Amino acid sequence: MFQFQFRLSYCLNKANSMVFKIRNRTFNWGERTYLMGILNVTPDSFSDGGEFANVETALTQARDMINHGVDLIDIGGESTRPHAIEISVEDELARVIPVIQKLRQESSIPISIDTTKAIVAQQAIAAGADLVNDISGATFDDQMLPTVAKLKVPLILMHIRGTPKTMQSLTEYQDVVAEVLKFLANQIAKAIACGIPRDHLIIDPGIGFAKTAEQSLALIQRLSELKALELPILVGVSRKSFMRPILQKNLPKERIWGTAAACYGAIAKGADILRVHDVAQMYDVCRVADAIERNFIISRV
């Protein structure tokens, strides 16, 4: 029996936008763009590896993101950068569980666990997380879908080929957008067959995961085609290497303004959630983009 402090509802409001509730947060899909803050408690992530690898530095970063308007925080204990090597369940748990527990003690911010392992998802939810973000689209662990079904929490399904170690050698597509759509549709069907309600699912095209720079740009340009799946769309473009040949910047942290432009492009094409490192700056990008693209203006509280 799984019992957690999780409450979720999905319905239509008067404006006919979809409403998604996690803890005390309401997500009105289509009304405005939401920010998922990246909290990598890893020594080897591509952009910020080692910066938040202990509980205190991780909590300091989480507090900063909350103060700058983040809507949910994605905590990950295993790097998924290109060529990353898989770590043990024990190591991953040792990294993420103390951070989730401490953050939950002091904040009601929705927490996502970034993992491909069912046992890590289960223990993270027990520790206080609210949803699961699986970069494998639930393909790495055959227990992920039944576990999430039992947990009764939302699941983010991302497109990938291979593993982080092999994915950059698997970039041959006839039509990258069509093939991403097909993969996601297939995983959605499997999730529903395992007992996960459709309204607990979010999709992610996997920018940069088994994609060339050109393919990543094509996915952003044609992101609106993913609306055919009728689910909220999460997009992660933050500091990613598809911008390197455009900006001629090798260091990920130097790509903040490229990230801002990519975030605007994703919003214009229908993104519902942006997964970002630089919350304060991307908060402003989202608010201005929402005012232009959705005629929606909110006040910071």
C-alpha atoms as a PDB file:
ATOM      1  CA  MET A   1       0.000   0.000   0.000  1.00  0.00           C
ATOM      2  CA  PHE A   2       1.470   3.297  -1.088  1.00  0.00           C
ATOM      3  CA  GLN A   3       0.283   6.341   0.863  1.00  0.00           C
ATOM      4  CA  PHE A   4       1.754   9.732   0.103  1.00  0.00           C
ATOM      5  CA  GLN A   5       0.828  13.358   0.512  1.00  0.00           C
ATOM      6  CA  PHE A   6       0.027  13.702  -3.156  1.00  0.00           C
ATOM      7  CA  ARG A   7      -3.071  15.274  -4.571  1.00  0.00           C
ATOM      8  CA  LEU A   8      -3.644  15.677  -8.278  1.00  0.00           C
ATOM      9  CA  SER A   9      -6.645  16.671 -10.326  1.00  0.00           C
ATOM     10  CA  TYR A  10      -7.078  17.287 -14.002  1.00  0.00           C
ATOM     11  CA  CYS A  11     -10.183  18.986 -15.348  1.00  0.00           C
ATOM     12  CA  LEU A  12     -11.420  21.856 -17.500  1.00  0.00           C
ATOM     13  CA  ASN A  13     -11.806  25.354 -16.110  1.00  0.00           C
ATOM     14  CA  LYS A  14     -14.054  28.093 -17.477  1.00  0.00           C
ATOM     15  CA  ALA A  15     -11.420  29.146 -20.016  1.00  0.00           C
ATOM     16  CA  ASN A  16     -11.294  25.526 -21.250  1.00  0.00           C
ATOM     17  CA  SER A  17      -7.660  25.156 -20.246  1.00  0.00           C
ATOM     18  CA  MET A  18      -6.482  21.966 -18.578  1.00  0.00           C
ATOM     19  CA  VAL A  19      -5.814  22.205 -14.846  1.00  0.00           C
ATOM     20  CA  PHE A  20      -3.216  20.052 -13.115  1.00  0.00           C
ATOM     21  CA  LYS A  21      -2.659  20.264  -9.346  1.00  0.00           C
ATOM     22  CA  ILE A  22       0.325  19.041  -7.363  1.00  0.00           C
ATOM     23  CA  ARG A  23       0.335  19.784  -3.637  1.00  0.00           C
ATOM     24  CA  ASN A  24      -0.576  23.461  -3.360  1.00  0.00           C
ATOM     25  CA  ARG A  25       0.400  24.359  -6.941  1.00  0.00           C
ATOM     26  CA  THR A  26      -1.995  24.664  -9.872  1.00  0.00           C
ATOM     27  CA  PHE A  27      -0.766  24.233 -13.440  1.00  0.00           C
ATOM     28  CA  ASN A  28      -3.105  25.675 -16.060  1.00  0.00           C
ATOM     29  CA  TRP A  29      -1.739  24.138 -19.241  1.00  0.00           C
ATOM     30  CA  GLY A  30      -1.950  26.506 -22.171  1.00  0.00           C
ATOM     31  CA  GLU A  31      -2.429  29.563 -19.980  1.00  0.00           C
ATOM     32  CA  ARG A  32       1.207  30.238 -19.116  1.00  0.00           C
ATOM     33  CA  THR A  33       4.627  28.594 -19.157  1.00  0.00           C
ATOM     34  CA  TYR A  34       5.938  26.821 -16.048  1.00  0.00           C
ATOM     35  CA  LEU A  35       9.541  26.472 -14.934  1.00  0.00           C
ATOM     36  CA  MET A  36      11.138  23.248 -13.751  1.00  0.00           C
ATOM     37  CA  GLY A  37      14.402  24.041 -11.979  1.00  0.00           C
ATOM     38  CA  ILE A  38      17.285  21.603 -12.493  1.00  0.00           C
ATOM     39  CA  LEU A  39      18.978  20.411  -9.312  1.00  0.00           C
ATOM     40  CA  ASN A  40      21.754  17.982 -10.214  1.00  0.00           C
ATOM     41  CA  VAL A  41      23.203  16.415  -7.074  1.00  0.00           C
ATOM     42  CA  THR A  42      25.901  14.769  -9.150  1.00  0.00           C
ATOM     43  CA  PRO A  43      29.677  15.129  -9.543  1.00  0.00           C
ATOM     44  CA  ASP A  44      29.617  14.877 -13.343  1.00  0.00           C
ATOM     45  CA  SER A  45      26.641  16.608 -14.980  1.00  0.00           C
ATOM     46  CA  PHE A  46      27.551  18.378 -18.209  1.00  0.00           C
ATOM     47  CA  SER A  47      26.954  21.922 -16.959  1.00  0.00           C
ATOM     48  CA  ASP A  48      27.067  22.074 -13.175  1.00  0.00           C
ATOM     49  CA  GLY A  49      28.550  18.756 -12.058  1.00  0.00           C
ATOM     50  CA  GLY A  50      29.790  18.881  -8.478  1.00  0.00           C
ATOM     51  CA  GLU A  51      28.333  22.299  -7.630  1.00  0.00           C
ATOM     52  CA  PHE A  52      25.396  20.919  -5.648  1.00  0.00           C
ATOM     53  CA  ALA A  53      26.706  17.486  -4.706  1.00  0.00           C
ATOM     54  CA  ASN A  54      26.102  17.805  -0.966  1.00  0.00           C
ATOM     55  CA  VAL A  55      22.887  18.485   0.921  1.00  0.00           C
ATOM     56  CA  GLU A  56      23.676  22.041   2.014  1.00  0.00           C
ATOM     57  CA  THR A  57      24.740  23.350  -1.404  1.00  0.00           C
ATOM     58  CA  ALA A  58      21.752  21.588  -2.985  1.00  0.00           C
ATOM     59  CA  LEU A  59      19.348  23.185  -0.499  1.00  0.00           C
ATOM     60  CA  THR A  60      20.899  26.608  -1.050  1.00  0.00           C
ATOM     61  CA  GLN A  61      20.347  26.236  -4.790  1.00  0.00           C
ATOM     62  CA  ALA A  62      16.784  25.009  -4.262  1.00  0.00           C
ATOM     63  CA  ARG A  63      15.984  27.990  -2.055  1.00  0.00           C
ATOM     64  CA  ASP A  64      17.410  30.364  -4.647  1.00  0.00           C
ATOM     65  CA  MET A  65      15.253  28.813  -7.377  1.00  0.00           C
ATOM     66  CA  ILE A  66      12.155  29.019  -5.173  1.00  0.00           C
ATOM     67  CA  ASN A  67      12.874  32.684  -4.407  1.00  0.00           C
ATOM     68  CA  HIS A  68      13.093  33.373  -8.147  1.00  0.00           C
ATOM     69  CA  GLY A  69       9.731  31.869  -9.006  1.00  0.00           C
ATOM     70  CA  VAL A  70      10.371  28.233  -9.960  1.00  0.00           C
ATOM     71  CA  ASP A  71       7.231  26.088 -10.205  1.00  0.00           C
ATOM     72  CA  LEU A  72       8.790  22.683  -9.497  1.00  0.00           C
ATOM     73  CA  ILE A  73      12.274  21.308  -8.826  1.00  0.00           C
ATOM     74  CA  ASP A  74      13.741  18.298 -10.631  1.00  0.00           C
ATOM     75  CA  ILE A  75      16.283  16.446  -8.484  1.00  0.00           C
ATOM     76  CA  GLY A  76      18.645  14.031 -10.215  1.00  0.00           C
ATOM     77  CA  GLY A  77      21.436  11.890  -8.845  1.00  0.00           C
ATOM     78  CA  GLU A  78      22.789  10.367 -12.049  1.00  0.00           C
ATOM     79  CA  SER A  79      24.274  12.303 -14.949  1.00  0.00           C
ATOM     80  CA  THR A  80      22.618  11.798 -18.327  1.00  0.00           C
ATOM     81  CA  ARG A  81      25.171  13.807 -20.315  1.00  0.00           C
ATOM     82  CA  PRO A  82      26.561  12.181 -23.472  1.00  0.00           C
ATOM     83  CA  HIS A  83      28.870   9.240 -22.680  1.00  0.00           C
ATOM     84  CA  ALA A  84      27.850   9.179 -19.000  1.00  0.00           C
ATOM     85  CA  ILE A  85      28.257   5.821 -17.272  1.00  0.00           C
ATOM     86  CA  GLU A  86      25.408   4.308 -15.248  1.00  0.00           C
ATOM     87  CA  ILE A  87      25.819   4.357 -11.476  1.00  0.00           C
ATOM     88  CA  SER A  88      24.458   1.923  -8.895  1.00  0.00           C
ATOM     89  CA  VAL A  89      21.045   2.186  -7.289  1.00  0.00           C
ATOM     90  CA  GLU A  90      22.740   2.610  -3.915  1.00  0.00           C
ATOM     91  CA  ASP A  91      24.834   5.551  -5.092  1.00  0.00           C
ATOM     92  CA  GLU A  92      21.861   7.249  -6.723  1.00  0.00           C
ATOM     93  CA  LEU A  93      19.707   6.847  -3.611  1.00  0.00           C
ATOM     94  CA  ALA A  94      22.485   8.165  -1.385  1.00  0.00           C
ATOM     95  CA  ARG A  95      22.618  11.325  -3.481  1.00  0.00           C
ATOM     96  CA  VAL A  96      18.934  12.152  -3.910  1.00  0.00           C
ATOM     97  CA  ILE A  97      17.028  10.924  -0.851  1.00  0.00           C
ATOM     98  CA  PRO A  98      18.648  13.216   1.782  1.00  0.00           C
ATOM     99  CA  VAL A  99      18.097  16.251  -0.463  1.00  0.00           C
ATOM    100  CA  ILE A 100      14.443  15.381  -1.106  1.00  0.00           C
ATOM    101  CA  GLN A 101      13.809  14.794   2.601  1.00  0.00           C
ATOM    102  CA  LYS A 102      15.413  18.061   3.684  1.00  0.00           C
ATOM    103  CA  LEU A 103      13.759  20.126   0.969  1.00  0.00           C
ATOM    104  CA  ARG A 104      10.364  18.636   1.757  1.00  0.00           C
ATOM    105  CA  GLN A 105      10.773  19.519   5.425  1.00  0.00           C
ATOM    106  CA  GLU A 106      11.078  23.201   4.608  1.00  0.00           C
ATOM    107  CA  SER A 107       9.048  23.686   1.425  1.00  0.00           C
ATOM    108  CA  SER A 108       5.871  22.523  -0.282  1.00  0.00           C
ATOM    109  CA  ILE A 109       7.405  23.112  -3.737  1.00  0.00           C
ATOM    110  CA  PRO A 110       6.517  20.224  -6.089  1.00  0.00           C
ATOM    111  CA  ILE A 111       9.513  17.904  -6.445  1.00  0.00           C
ATOM    112  CA  SER A 112      10.294  15.689  -9.423  1.00  0.00           C
ATOM    113  CA  ILE A 113      12.703  12.772  -9.189  1.00  0.00           C
ATOM    114  CA  ASP A 114      14.875  12.514 -12.305  1.00  0.00           C
ATOM    115  CA  THR A 115      15.584   8.790 -12.573  1.00  0.00           C
ATOM    116  CA  THR A 116      15.295   5.791 -14.872  1.00  0.00           C
ATOM    117  CA  LYS A 117      15.180   3.277 -11.999  1.00  0.00           C
ATOM    118  CA  ALA A 118      11.865   2.133 -10.513  1.00  0.00           C
ATOM    119  CA  ILE A 119      13.286   1.534  -7.045  1.00  0.00           C
ATOM    120  CA  VAL A 120      14.740   5.051  -6.940  1.00  0.00           C
ATOM    121  CA  ALA A 121      11.384   6.462  -8.060  1.00  0.00           C
ATOM    122  CA  GLN A 122       9.583   4.517  -5.347  1.00  0.00           C
ATOM    123  CA  GLN A 123      11.905   5.614  -2.543  1.00  0.00           C
ATOM    124  CA  ALA A 124      12.014   9.219  -3.760  1.00  0.00           C
ATOM    125  CA  ILE A 125       8.221   9.458  -3.701  1.00  0.00           C
ATOM    126  CA  ALA A 126       8.218   7.969  -0.203  1.00  0.00           C
ATOM    127  CA  ALA A 127      10.769  10.631   0.810  1.00  0.00           C
ATOM    128  CA  GLY A 128       8.534  13.464  -0.408  1.00  0.00           C
ATOM    129  CA  ALA A 129       8.828  13.765  -4.187  1.00  0.00           C
ATOM    130  CA  ASP A 130       5.641  14.199  -6.233  1.00  0.00           C
ATOM    131  CA  LEU A 131       6.326  13.003  -9.775  1.00  0.00           C
ATOM    132  CA  VAL A 132       8.810  10.980 -11.813  1.00  0.00           C
ATOM    133  CA  ASN A 133      10.889  12.303 -14.710  1.00  0.00           C
ATOM    134  CA  ASP A 134      12.249   9.353 -16.724  1.00  0.00           C
ATOM    135  CA  ILE A 135      14.626  10.347 -19.534  1.00  0.00           C
ATOM    136  CA  SER A 136      14.339   6.850 -20.993  1.00  0.00           C
ATOM    137  CA  GLY A 137      10.609   7.151 -21.536  1.00  0.00           C
ATOM    138  CA  ALA A 138      10.276   4.154 -19.167  1.00  0.00           C
ATOM    139  CA  THR A 139      12.359   1.902 -21.445  1.00  0.00           C
ATOM    140  CA  PHE A 140      15.421   1.271 -19.222  1.00  0.00           C
ATOM    141  CA  ASP A 141      13.570  -0.415 -16.355  1.00  0.00           C
ATOM    142  CA  ASP A 142      10.610  -2.665 -17.126  1.00  0.00           C
ATOM    143  CA  GLN A 143       9.283  -2.062 -13.607  1.00  0.00           C
ATOM    144  CA  MET A 144       9.010   1.711 -14.023  1.00  0.00           C
ATOM    145  CA  LEU A 145       5.496   1.795 -15.488  1.00  0.00           C
ATOM    146  CA  PRO A 146       3.904  -0.652 -13.021  1.00  0.00           C
ATOM    147  CA  THR A 147       5.698   1.096 -10.155  1.00  0.00           C
ATOM    148  CA  VAL A 148       4.440   4.545 -11.172  1.00  0.00           C
ATOM    149  CA  ALA A 149       0.941   3.097 -11.607  1.00  0.00           C
ATOM    150  CA  LYS A 150       1.040   1.844  -8.000  1.00  0.00           C
ATOM    151  CA  LEU A 151       2.453   5.120  -6.738  1.00  0.00           C
ATOM    152  CA  LYS A 152      -0.375   7.034  -8.455  1.00  0.00           C
ATOM    153  CA  VAL A 153       1.909   9.938  -9.376  1.00  0.00           C
ATOM    154  CA  PRO A 154       2.518  11.768 -12.674  1.00  0.00           C
ATOM    155  CA  LEU A 155       5.208  10.572 -15.066  1.00  0.00           C
ATOM    156  CA  ILE A 156       7.265  12.491 -17.619  1.00  0.00           C
ATOM    157  CA  LEU A 157       8.106  10.371 -20.665  1.00  0.00           C
ATOM    158  CA  MET A 158      11.080  11.542 -22.721  1.00  0.00           C
ATOM    159  CA  HIS A 159      12.310  10.336 -26.094  1.00  0.00           C
ATOM    160  CA  ILE A 160      15.778   8.809 -26.304  1.00  0.00           C
ATOM    161  CA  ARG A 161      17.636   6.181 -28.294  1.00  0.00           C
ATOM    162  CA  GLY A 162      20.222   3.971 -26.658  1.00  0.00           C
ATOM    163  CA  THR A 163      21.670   5.156 -23.356  1.00  0.00           C
ATOM    164  CA  PRO A 164      23.559   8.331 -22.426  1.00  0.00           C
ATOM    165  CA  LYS A 165      26.744   6.347 -23.132  1.00  0.00           C
ATOM    166  CA  THR A 166      25.667   5.369 -26.674  1.00  0.00           C
ATOM    167  CA  MET A 167      22.980   7.853 -27.729  1.00  0.00           C
ATOM    168  CA  GLN A 168      25.127  10.217 -29.786  1.00  0.00           C
ATOM    169  CA  SER A 169      25.923   7.381 -32.210  1.00  0.00           C
ATOM    170  CA  LEU A 170      22.195   6.768 -32.790  1.00  0.00           C
ATOM    171  CA  THR A 171      21.102   9.894 -34.638  1.00  0.00           C
ATOM    172  CA  GLU A 172      19.914   8.456 -37.971  1.00  0.00           C
ATOM    173  CA  TYR A 173      16.279   9.416 -38.619  1.00  0.00           C
ATOM    174  CA  GLN A 174      14.117   9.607 -41.725  1.00  0.00           C
ATOM    175  CA  ASP A 175      11.988  12.254 -39.992  1.00  0.00           C
ATOM    176  CA  VAL A 176      13.057  13.035 -36.438  1.00  0.00           C
ATOM    177  CA  VAL A 177       9.763  14.651 -35.420  1.00  0.00           C
ATOM    178  CA  ALA A 178       7.624  11.832 -36.802  1.00  0.00           C
ATOM    179  CA  GLU A 179       9.798   9.210 -35.110  1.00  0.00           C
ATOM    180  CA  VAL A 180       9.755  11.038 -31.769  1.00  0.00           C
ATOM    181  CA  LEU A 181       5.961  11.258 -32.034  1.00  0.00           C
ATOM    182  CA  LYS A 182       5.719   7.534 -32.757  1.00  0.00           C
ATOM    183  CA  PHE A 183       7.947   6.628 -29.805  1.00  0.00           C
ATOM    184  CA  LEU A 184       6.039   8.844 -27.389  1.00  0.00           C
ATOM    185  CA  ALA A 185       2.655   7.569 -28.612  1.00  0.00           C
ATOM    186  CA  ASN A 186       3.853   4.007 -28.068  1.00  0.00           C
ATOM    187  CA  GLN A 187       5.088   4.733 -24.530  1.00  0.00           C
ATOM    188  CA  ILE A 188       1.880   6.575 -23.686  1.00  0.00           C
ATOM    189  CA  ALA A 189      -0.109   3.502 -24.745  1.00  0.00           C
ATOM    190  CA  LYS A 190       2.115   1.239 -22.631  1.00  0.00           C
ATOM    191  CA  ALA A 191       1.764   3.526 -19.614  1.00  0.00           C
ATOM    192  CA  ILE A 192      -2.018   3.545 -19.886  1.00  0.00           C
ATOM    193  CA  ALA A 193      -2.055  -0.237 -20.310  1.00  0.00           C
ATOM    194  CA  CYS A 194      -0.106  -0.527 -17.051  1.00  0.00           C
ATOM    195  CA  GLY A 195      -2.733   1.496 -15.229  1.00  0.00           C
ATOM    196  CA  ILE A 196      -1.319   5.018 -15.353  1.00  0.00           C
ATOM    197  CA  PRO A 197      -4.130   7.478 -16.114  1.00  0.00           C
ATOM    198  CA  ARG A 198      -3.541   9.477 -19.289  1.00  0.00           C
ATOM    199  CA  ASP A 199      -3.940  12.679 -17.297  1.00  0.00           C
ATOM    200  CA  HIS A 200      -0.903  11.726 -15.201  1.00  0.00           C
ATOM    201  CA  LEU A 201       1.416  11.882 -18.246  1.00  0.00           C
ATOM    202  CA  ILE A 202       3.680  14.623 -19.583  1.00  0.00           C
ATOM    203  CA  ILE A 203       5.837  14.271 -22.707  1.00  0.00           C
ATOM    204  CA  ASP A 204       9.334  15.515 -23.556  1.00  0.00           C
ATOM    205  CA  PRO A 205      10.891  15.321 -27.065  1.00  0.00           C
ATOM    206  CA  GLY A 206      14.384  14.890 -25.600  1.00  0.00           C
ATOM    207  CA  ILE A 207      16.292  17.805 -27.092  1.00  0.00           C
ATOM    208  CA  GLY A 208      19.921  16.725 -27.525  1.00  0.00           C
ATOM    209  CA  PHE A 209      19.318  13.097 -26.562  1.00  0.00           C
ATOM    210  CA  ALA A 210      20.310  11.018 -29.591  1.00  0.00           C
ATOM    211  CA  LYS A 211      19.806  14.159 -31.698  1.00  0.00           C
ATOM    212  CA  THR A 212      22.200  16.247 -33.743  1.00  0.00           C
ATOM    213  CA  ALA A 213      22.115  20.021 -33.457  1.00  0.00           C
ATOM    214  CA  GLU A 214      20.031  20.209 -36.634  1.00  0.00           C
ATOM    215  CA  GLN A 215      17.583  17.603 -35.335  1.00  0.00           C
ATOM    216  CA  SER A 216      17.224  19.410 -32.014  1.00  0.00           C
ATOM    217  CA  LEU A 217      16.443  22.630 -33.865  1.00  0.00           C
ATOM    218  CA  ALA A 218      13.898  20.794 -36.023  1.00  0.00           C
ATOM    219  CA  LEU A 219      12.145  19.510 -32.912  1.00  0.00           C
ATOM    220  CA  ILE A 220      11.854  23.027 -31.524  1.00  0.00           C
ATOM    221  CA  GLN A 221      10.700  24.409 -34.878  1.00  0.00           C
ATOM    222  CA  ARG A 222       8.033  21.701 -35.201  1.00  0.00           C
ATOM    223  CA  LEU A 223       7.217  21.320 -31.512  1.00  0.00           C
ATOM    224  CA  SER A 224       3.556  22.161 -32.145  1.00  0.00           C
ATOM    225  CA  GLU A 225       3.208  18.812 -33.951  1.00  0.00           C
ATOM    226  CA  LEU A 226       3.544  17.097 -30.562  1.00  0.00           C
ATOM    227  CA  LYS A 227       0.242  18.721 -29.590  1.00  0.00           C
ATOM    228  CA  ALA A 228      -1.379  15.877 -31.539  1.00  0.00           C
ATOM    229  CA  LEU A 229      -0.661  13.685 -28.489  1.00  0.00           C
ATOM    230  CA  GLU A 230      -2.889  15.971 -26.392  1.00  0.00           C
ATOM    231  CA  LEU A 231      -0.591  16.003 -23.362  1.00  0.00           C
ATOM    232  CA  PRO A 232       1.454  18.734 -21.650  1.00  0.00           C
ATOM    233  CA  ILE A 233       4.860  19.214 -23.266  1.00  0.00           C
ATOM    234  CA  LEU A 234       8.082  19.664 -21.310  1.00  0.00           C
ATOM    235  CA  VAL A 235      11.134  20.988 -23.167  1.00  0.00           C
ATOM    236  CA  GLY A 236      14.730  20.995 -21.932  1.00  0.00           C
ATOM    237  CA  VAL A 237      16.998  23.293 -23.946  1.00  0.00           C
ATOM    238  CA  SER A 238      19.005  24.791 -21.098  1.00  0.00           C
ATOM    239  CA  ARG A 239      22.692  25.340 -21.971  1.00  0.00           C
ATOM    240  CA  LYS A 240      22.627  22.397 -24.397  1.00  0.00           C
ATOM    241  CA  SER A 241      25.240  21.634 -27.018  1.00  0.00           C
ATOM    242  CA  PHE A 242      22.962  22.122 -30.034  1.00  0.00           C
ATOM    243  CA  MET A 243      23.711  25.827 -29.515  1.00  0.00           C
ATOM    244  CA  ARG A 244      27.489  25.333 -29.722  1.00  0.00           C
ATOM    245  CA  PRO A 245      27.801  25.596 -33.535  1.00  0.00           C
ATOM    246  CA  ILE A 246      25.426  28.570 -33.562  1.00  0.00           C
ATOM    247  CA  LEU A 247      27.040  30.568 -30.757  1.00  0.00           C
ATOM    248  CA  GLN A 248      30.603  29.208 -31.010  1.00  0.00           C
ATOM    249  CA  LYS A 249      30.572  28.816 -27.220  1.00  0.00           C
ATOM    250  CA  ASN A 250      32.031  25.626 -25.786  1.00  0.00           C
ATOM    251  CA  LEU A 251      31.238  26.273 -22.124  1.00  0.00           C
ATOM    252  CA  PRO A 252      27.599  25.480 -21.240  1.00  0.00           C
ATOM    253  CA  LYS A 253      27.330  28.384 -18.786  1.00  0.00           C
ATOM    254  CA  GLU A 254      28.165  30.800 -21.604  1.00  0.00           C
ATOM    255  CA  ARG A 255      24.974  29.813 -23.437  1.00  0.00           C
ATOM    256  CA  ILE A 256      22.508  31.607 -21.182  1.00  0.00           C
ATOM    257  CA  TRP A 257      21.259  34.013 -23.854  1.00  0.00           C
ATOM    258  CA  GLY A 258      21.085  31.217 -26.385  1.00  0.00           C
ATOM    259  CA  THR A 259      19.018  29.341 -23.819  1.00  0.00           C
ATOM    260  CA  ALA A 260      16.753  32.368 -23.499  1.00  0.00           C
ATOM    261  CA  ALA A 261      16.193  32.460 -27.257  1.00  0.00           C
ATOM    262  CA  ALA A 262      15.533  28.711 -27.394  1.00  0.00           C
ATOM    263  CA  CYS A 263      13.108  28.990 -24.491  1.00  0.00           C
ATOM    264  CA  TYR A 264      11.192  31.715 -26.307  1.00  0.00           C
ATOM    265  CA  GLY A 265      11.089  29.578 -29.434  1.00  0.00           C
ATOM    266  CA  ALA A 266       9.752  26.618 -27.470  1.00  0.00           C
ATOM    267  CA  ILE A 267       7.070  28.762 -25.833  1.00  0.00           C
ATOM    268  CA  ALA A 268       5.999  30.141 -29.204  1.00  0.00           C
ATOM    269  CA  LYS A 269       5.585  26.565 -30.456  1.00  0.00           C
ATOM    270  CA  GLY A 270       3.529  25.401 -27.491  1.00  0.00           C
ATOM    271  CA  ALA A 271       5.816  24.259 -24.647  1.00  0.00           C
ATOM    272  CA  ASP A 272       4.046  24.002 -21.293  1.00  0.00           C
ATOM    273  CA  ILE A 273       7.082  23.457 -19.028  1.00  0.00           C
ATOM    274  CA  LEU A 274      10.698  24.503 -19.506  1.00  0.00           C
ATOM    275  CA  ARG A 275      13.414  22.602 -17.637  1.00  0.00           C
ATOM    276  CA  VAL A 276      16.172  25.130 -16.880  1.00  0.00           C
ATOM    277  CA  HIS A 277      19.295  25.824 -14.851  1.00  0.00           C
ATOM    278  CA  ASP A 278      19.008  29.630 -14.781  1.00  0.00           C
ATOM    279  CA  VAL A 279      15.642  30.148 -13.115  1.00  0.00           C
ATOM    280  CA  ALA A 280      15.836  33.893 -12.412  1.00  0.00           C
ATOM    281  CA  GLN A 281      16.661  34.794 -16.010  1.00  0.00           C
ATOM    282  CA  MET A 282      14.296  32.302 -17.620  1.00  0.00           C
ATOM    283  CA  TYR A 283      11.476  33.426 -15.319  1.00  0.00           C
ATOM    284  CA  ASP A 284      11.667  36.822 -17.015  1.00  0.00           C
ATOM    285  CA  VAL A 285      11.892  35.243 -20.473  1.00  0.00           C
ATOM    286  CA  CYS A 286       8.761  33.199 -19.770  1.00  0.00           C
ATOM    287  CA  ARG A 287       6.755  36.115 -18.434  1.00  0.00           C
ATOM    288  CA  VAL A 288       7.507  38.341 -21.431  1.00  0.00           C
ATOM    289  CA  ALA A 289       7.015  35.464 -23.890  1.00  0.00           C
ATOM    290  CA  ASP A 290       3.691  34.589 -22.252  1.00  0.00           C
ATOM    291  CA  ALA A 291       2.565  38.194 -22.482  1.00  0.00           C
ATOM    292  CA  ILE A 292       3.376  38.214 -26.210  1.00  0.00           C
ATOM    293  CA  GLU A 293       2.357  34.685 -27.188  1.00  0.00           C
ATOM    294  CA  ARG A 294      -0.520  34.026 -24.769  1.00  0.00           C
ATOM    295  CA  ASN A 295      -1.616  37.554 -23.768  1.00  0.00           C
ATOM    296  CA  PHE A 296      -1.028  36.474 -20.188  1.00  0.00           C
ATOM    297  CA  ILE A 297       0.581  38.720 -17.575  1.00  0.00           C
ATOM    298  CA  ILE A 298       1.056  37.758 -13.939  1.00  0.00           C
ATOM    299  CA  SER A 299       2.559  39.522 -10.953  1.00  0.00           C
ATOM    300  CA  ARG A 300       5.384  38.006  -8.961  1.00  0.00           C
ATOM    301  CA  VAL A 301       4.290  37.327  -5.387  1.00  0.00           C
END
